[in-house]
């Protein structure tokens, strides 16, 4: 569709359009979708670890240790995974739910 809008009279712009469209769909659609899956996996993992007898609060501590290790992580909007900070904040919100499944 974009190539039709650009038209055959401007073939030098077709490649630029295709690259821009590809980057836009990757950053705007695919990466957020992947981060959503990762966040869902964190949520389910927290529930499962609680059911297995592990304290859900330790997941928060684990990600704090991961964040402290640092590393050159890309900005979250360019990543397939939530940032450590986002994970920590999300897990803190989910711990009360997971604690319902936790048995010492």
N, C-alpha and C. Protein backbone atom coordinates (compact mmCIF):
# COMPACT_ATOMS: atom_id res chain seq x y z
N UNK A 1 0.84 -1.19 0.00
CA UNK A 1 0.00 0.00 0.00
C UNK A 1 0.88 1.25 0.00
N UNK A 2 1.90 1.24 0.86
CA UNK A 2 2.80 2.39 0.93
C UNK A 2 3.52 2.62 -0.38
N UNK A 3 3.95 1.53 -1.03
CA UNK A 3 4.63 1.68 -2.31
C UNK A 3 3.70 2.27 -3.36
N UNK A 4 2.41 1.93 -3.29
CA UNK A 4 1.45 2.51 -4.21
C UNK A 4 1.30 4.00 -3.94
N UNK A 5 1.29 4.38 -2.68
CA UNK A 5 1.17 5.80 -2.33
C UNK A 5 2.38 6.58 -2.79
N UNK A 6 3.57 5.97 -2.69
CA UNK A 6 4.79 6.63 -3.15
C UNK A 6 4.80 6.68 -4.67
N UNK A 7 4.34 5.62 -5.28
CA UNK A 7 4.22 5.58 -6.73
C UNK A 7 5.49 5.10 -7.40
N UNK A 8 5.30 4.57 -8.59
CA UNK A 8 6.42 4.04 -9.36
C UNK A 8 7.33 5.15 -9.85
N UNK A 9 6.87 6.39 -9.84
CA UNK A 9 7.68 7.50 -10.30
C UNK A 9 8.82 7.83 -9.33
N UNK A 10 8.76 7.30 -8.13
CA UNK A 10 9.79 7.60 -7.13
C UNK A 10 10.38 6.32 -6.56
N UNK A 11 11.02 5.48 -7.39
CA UNK A 11 11.53 4.19 -6.89
C UNK A 11 12.63 4.36 -5.84
N UNK A 12 13.34 5.48 -5.86
CA UNK A 12 14.40 5.69 -4.86
C UNK A 12 13.84 5.80 -3.46
N UNK A 13 12.55 6.13 -3.33
CA UNK A 13 11.93 6.26 -2.02
C UNK A 13 11.27 4.98 -1.53
N UNK A 14 11.08 4.03 -2.42
CA UNK A 14 10.41 2.79 -2.02
C UNK A 14 11.21 2.01 -0.98
N UNK A 15 12.52 1.90 -1.18
CA UNK A 15 13.36 1.18 -0.23
C UNK A 15 13.36 1.89 1.13
N UNK A 16 13.46 3.22 1.09
CA UNK A 16 13.42 3.99 2.34
C UNK A 16 12.09 3.79 3.06
N UNK A 17 11.00 3.81 2.30
CA UNK A 17 9.68 3.59 2.91
C UNK A 17 9.61 2.20 3.54
N UNK A 18 10.06 1.18 2.81
CA UNK A 18 10.00 -0.19 3.32
C UNK A 18 10.82 -0.35 4.59
N UNK A 19 11.99 0.24 4.64
CA UNK A 19 12.82 0.16 5.84
C UNK A 19 12.16 0.88 7.01
N UNK A 20 11.64 2.06 6.75
CA UNK A 20 10.97 2.83 7.81
C UNK A 20 9.74 2.09 8.31
N UNK A 21 8.98 1.54 7.40
CA UNK A 21 7.78 0.78 7.78
C UNK A 21 8.18 -0.43 8.63
N UNK A 22 9.25 -1.12 8.24
CA UNK A 22 9.72 -2.29 8.99
C UNK A 22 10.16 -1.92 10.39
N UNK A 23 10.89 -0.84 10.52
CA UNK A 23 11.33 -0.39 11.85
C UNK A 23 10.13 0.02 12.69
N UNK A 24 9.20 0.74 12.08
CA UNK A 24 8.00 1.19 12.80
C UNK A 24 7.17 0.03 13.30
N UNK A 25 6.99 -0.98 12.46
CA UNK A 25 6.18 -2.13 12.90
C UNK A 25 6.92 -2.93 13.97
N UNK A 26 8.24 -3.00 13.87
CA UNK A 26 9.01 -3.72 14.88
C UNK A 26 8.91 -3.03 16.24
N UNK A 27 9.17 -1.72 16.26
CA UNK A 27 9.17 -0.97 17.52
C UNK A 27 7.75 -0.75 18.04
N UNK A 28 6.81 -0.52 17.13
CA UNK A 28 5.45 -0.18 17.53
C UNK A 28 4.54 -1.35 17.80
N UNK A 29 4.85 -2.53 17.24
CA UNK A 29 3.95 -3.67 17.37
C UNK A 29 4.65 -4.89 17.97
N UNK A 30 5.71 -5.34 17.33
CA UNK A 30 6.32 -6.62 17.71
C UNK A 30 7.01 -6.57 19.08
N UNK A 31 7.81 -5.55 19.33
CA UNK A 31 8.54 -5.50 20.61
C UNK A 31 7.60 -5.35 21.80
N UNK A 32 6.60 -4.45 21.73
CA UNK A 32 5.66 -4.38 22.87
C UNK A 32 4.92 -5.70 23.09
N UNK A 33 4.58 -6.40 22.00
CA UNK A 33 3.89 -7.68 22.10
C UNK A 33 4.78 -8.69 22.82
N UNK A 34 6.08 -8.70 22.49
CA UNK A 34 7.02 -9.61 23.13
C UNK A 34 7.19 -9.26 24.61
N UNK A 35 7.26 -7.97 24.93
CA UNK A 35 7.37 -7.56 26.34
C UNK A 35 6.13 -7.98 27.11
N UNK A 36 4.98 -7.92 26.47
CA UNK A 36 3.75 -8.36 27.12
C UNK A 36 3.84 -9.84 27.47
N UNK A 37 4.37 -10.65 26.56
CA UNK A 37 4.55 -12.08 26.84
C UNK A 37 5.51 -12.30 28.00
N UNK A 38 6.60 -11.55 28.03
CA UNK A 38 7.57 -11.66 29.12
C UNK A 38 6.93 -11.29 30.45
N UNK A 39 6.12 -10.24 30.46
CA UNK A 39 5.46 -9.83 31.70
C UNK A 39 4.46 -10.88 32.16
N UNK A 40 3.77 -11.49 31.20
CA UNK A 40 2.84 -12.57 31.56
C UNK A 40 3.61 -13.76 32.13
N UNK A 41 4.75 -14.07 31.55
CA UNK A 41 5.57 -15.17 32.06
C UNK A 41 6.07 -14.87 33.47
N UNK A 42 6.43 -13.62 33.74
CA UNK A 42 6.84 -13.24 35.09
C UNK A 42 5.69 -13.44 36.07
N UNK A 43 4.50 -13.05 35.67
CA UNK A 43 3.31 -13.18 36.52
C UNK A 43 3.06 -14.66 36.83
N UNK A 44 3.03 -15.48 35.80
CA UNK A 44 2.76 -16.91 36.00
C UNK A 44 3.89 -17.56 36.80
N UNK A 45 5.13 -17.17 36.51
CA UNK A 45 6.26 -17.71 37.26
C UNK A 45 6.18 -17.39 38.74
N UNK A 46 5.72 -16.19 39.05
CA UNK A 46 5.56 -15.80 40.45
C UNK A 46 4.52 -16.67 41.15
N UNK A 47 3.42 -16.94 40.46
CA UNK A 47 2.37 -17.80 41.02
C UNK A 47 2.90 -19.22 41.21
N UNK A 48 3.58 -19.74 40.18
CA UNK A 48 4.09 -21.12 40.26
C UNK A 48 5.16 -21.26 41.34
N UNK A 49 6.03 -20.26 41.49
CA UNK A 49 7.05 -20.38 42.53
C UNK A 49 6.40 -20.37 43.91
N UNK A 50 5.33 -19.59 44.07
CA UNK A 50 4.61 -19.57 45.35
C UNK A 50 3.96 -20.92 45.61
N UNK A 51 3.36 -21.51 44.58
CA UNK A 51 2.72 -22.82 44.73
C UNK A 51 3.74 -23.90 45.06
N UNK A 52 4.97 -23.71 44.60
CA UNK A 52 6.03 -24.68 44.86
C UNK A 52 6.69 -24.47 46.22
N UNK A 53 6.25 -23.44 46.95
CA UNK A 53 6.79 -23.22 48.28
C UNK A 53 7.89 -22.20 48.39
N UNK A 54 8.14 -21.47 47.30
CA UNK A 54 9.16 -20.42 47.33
C UNK A 54 8.50 -19.08 47.63
N UNK A 55 9.14 -18.28 48.44
CA UNK A 55 8.60 -16.99 48.83
C UNK A 55 8.59 -16.04 47.63
N UNK A 56 7.42 -15.56 47.20
CA UNK A 56 7.33 -14.66 46.05
C UNK A 56 8.13 -13.36 46.22
N UNK A 57 8.33 -12.94 47.46
CA UNK A 57 9.12 -11.72 47.68
C UNK A 57 10.55 -11.87 47.18
N UNK A 58 11.02 -13.10 47.10
CA UNK A 58 12.39 -13.34 46.63
C UNK A 58 12.55 -13.03 45.14
N UNK A 59 11.46 -13.06 44.39
CA UNK A 59 11.54 -12.69 42.97
C UNK A 59 11.92 -11.22 42.83
N UNK A 60 11.35 -10.39 43.68
CA UNK A 60 11.69 -8.96 43.68
C UNK A 60 13.16 -8.78 44.02
N UNK A 61 13.62 -9.50 45.04
CA UNK A 61 15.03 -9.39 45.44
C UNK A 61 15.96 -9.89 44.34
N UNK A 62 15.55 -10.94 43.65
CA UNK A 62 16.34 -11.47 42.53
C UNK A 62 16.54 -10.39 41.47
N UNK A 63 15.44 -9.72 41.07
CA UNK A 63 15.55 -8.71 40.02
C UNK A 63 16.30 -7.47 40.49
N UNK A 64 16.26 -7.19 41.77
CA UNK A 64 17.09 -6.10 42.30
C UNK A 64 18.57 -6.44 42.14
N UNK A 65 18.91 -7.70 42.41
CA UNK A 65 20.31 -8.14 42.23
C UNK A 65 20.69 -8.09 40.75
N UNK A 66 19.78 -8.49 39.88
CA UNK A 66 20.05 -8.43 38.44
C UNK A 66 20.30 -6.99 38.00
N UNK A 67 19.47 -6.08 38.50
CA UNK A 67 19.62 -4.66 38.13
C UNK A 67 20.94 -4.11 38.64
N UNK A 68 21.35 -4.55 39.83
CA UNK A 68 22.61 -4.07 40.40
C UNK A 68 23.82 -4.55 39.60
N UNK A 69 23.68 -5.69 38.92
CA UNK A 69 24.77 -6.19 38.09
C UNK A 69 25.00 -5.29 36.89
N UNK A 70 23.97 -4.51 36.56
CA UNK A 70 24.11 -3.56 35.46
C UNK A 70 24.18 -4.24 34.12
N UNK A 71 24.90 -3.63 33.25
CA UNK A 71 24.98 -4.14 31.89
C UNK A 71 24.40 -3.11 30.94
N UNK A 72 24.79 -3.21 29.73
CA UNK A 72 24.35 -2.25 28.72
C UNK A 72 23.04 -2.63 28.07
N UNK A 73 21.99 -2.62 28.83
CA UNK A 73 20.67 -2.95 28.28
C UNK A 73 20.17 -1.82 27.40
N UNK A 74 19.54 -2.16 26.28
CA UNK A 74 18.97 -1.11 25.43
C UNK A 74 17.76 -0.49 26.11
N UNK A 75 17.32 0.66 25.63
CA UNK A 75 16.09 1.23 26.19
C UNK A 75 14.95 0.23 26.05
N UNK A 76 14.03 0.25 26.99
CA UNK A 76 12.96 -0.75 27.01
C UNK A 76 12.19 -0.78 25.69
N UNK A 77 11.95 0.37 25.08
CA UNK A 77 11.15 0.39 23.86
C UNK A 77 11.85 -0.30 22.68
N UNK A 78 13.15 -0.57 22.81
CA UNK A 78 13.89 -1.30 21.78
C UNK A 78 14.19 -2.73 22.19
N UNK A 79 13.62 -3.18 23.28
CA UNK A 79 13.94 -4.50 23.82
C UNK A 79 12.75 -5.45 23.75
N UNK A 80 13.05 -6.73 23.71
CA UNK A 80 12.00 -7.75 23.76
C UNK A 80 11.60 -8.07 25.19
N UNK A 81 12.33 -7.53 26.15
CA UNK A 81 12.07 -7.80 27.57
C UNK A 81 11.80 -6.50 28.32
N UNK A 82 10.98 -6.56 29.36
CA UNK A 82 10.81 -5.38 30.21
C UNK A 82 12.14 -5.04 30.89
N UNK A 83 12.33 -3.78 31.20
CA UNK A 83 13.55 -3.39 31.92
C UNK A 83 13.50 -3.98 33.33
N UNK A 84 14.66 -4.05 33.96
CA UNK A 84 14.70 -4.55 35.34
C UNK A 84 13.80 -3.72 36.24
N UNK A 85 13.82 -2.41 36.06
CA UNK A 85 12.99 -1.52 36.89
C UNK A 85 11.50 -1.83 36.70
N UNK A 86 11.09 -2.02 35.46
CA UNK A 86 9.69 -2.35 35.19
C UNK A 86 9.34 -3.69 35.81
N UNK A 87 10.23 -4.66 35.66
CA UNK A 87 9.96 -5.98 36.25
C UNK A 87 9.82 -5.89 37.76
N UNK A 88 10.71 -5.17 38.40
CA UNK A 88 10.67 -5.03 39.85
C UNK A 88 9.35 -4.39 40.28
N UNK A 89 8.97 -3.30 39.62
CA UNK A 89 7.72 -2.62 39.97
C UNK A 89 6.50 -3.51 39.73
N UNK A 90 6.50 -4.23 38.61
CA UNK A 90 5.37 -5.13 38.31
C UNK A 90 5.29 -6.26 39.33
N UNK A 91 6.44 -6.85 39.66
CA UNK A 91 6.44 -7.96 40.62
C UNK A 91 5.98 -7.51 42.00
N UNK A 92 6.39 -6.31 42.40
CA UNK A 92 5.93 -5.79 43.70
C UNK A 92 4.41 -5.73 43.75
N UNK A 93 3.80 -5.33 42.64
CA UNK A 93 2.33 -5.25 42.58
C UNK A 93 1.68 -6.62 42.59
N UNK A 94 2.39 -7.62 42.06
CA UNK A 94 1.83 -8.97 41.94
C UNK A 94 2.08 -9.85 43.16
N UNK A 95 3.02 -9.48 44.01
CA UNK A 95 3.36 -10.31 45.18
C UNK A 95 2.14 -10.59 46.05
N UNK A 96 1.28 -9.61 46.36
CA UNK A 96 0.12 -9.94 47.22
C UNK A 96 -0.76 -11.05 46.64
N UNK A 97 -0.95 -11.05 45.33
CA UNK A 97 -1.72 -12.13 44.71
C UNK A 97 -1.00 -13.47 44.87
N UNK A 98 0.31 -13.47 44.60
CA UNK A 98 1.08 -14.71 44.69
C UNK A 98 1.13 -15.24 46.11
N UNK A 99 1.11 -14.35 47.10
CA UNK A 99 1.18 -14.79 48.50
C UNK A 99 -0.02 -15.65 48.88
N UNK A 100 -1.12 -15.52 48.16
CA UNK A 100 -2.29 -16.35 48.42
C UNK A 100 -2.00 -17.83 48.14
N UNK A 101 -1.01 -18.08 47.29
CA UNK A 101 -0.65 -19.45 46.92
C UNK A 101 0.55 -19.98 47.70
N UNK A 102 1.19 -19.09 48.46
CA UNK A 102 2.42 -19.45 49.15
C UNK A 102 2.12 -20.17 50.45
N UNK A 103 2.73 -21.33 50.61
CA UNK A 103 2.62 -22.08 51.86
C UNK A 103 4.03 -22.39 52.32
N UNK A 104 4.36 -21.97 53.54
CA UNK A 104 5.72 -22.17 54.06
C UNK A 104 5.98 -23.63 54.33
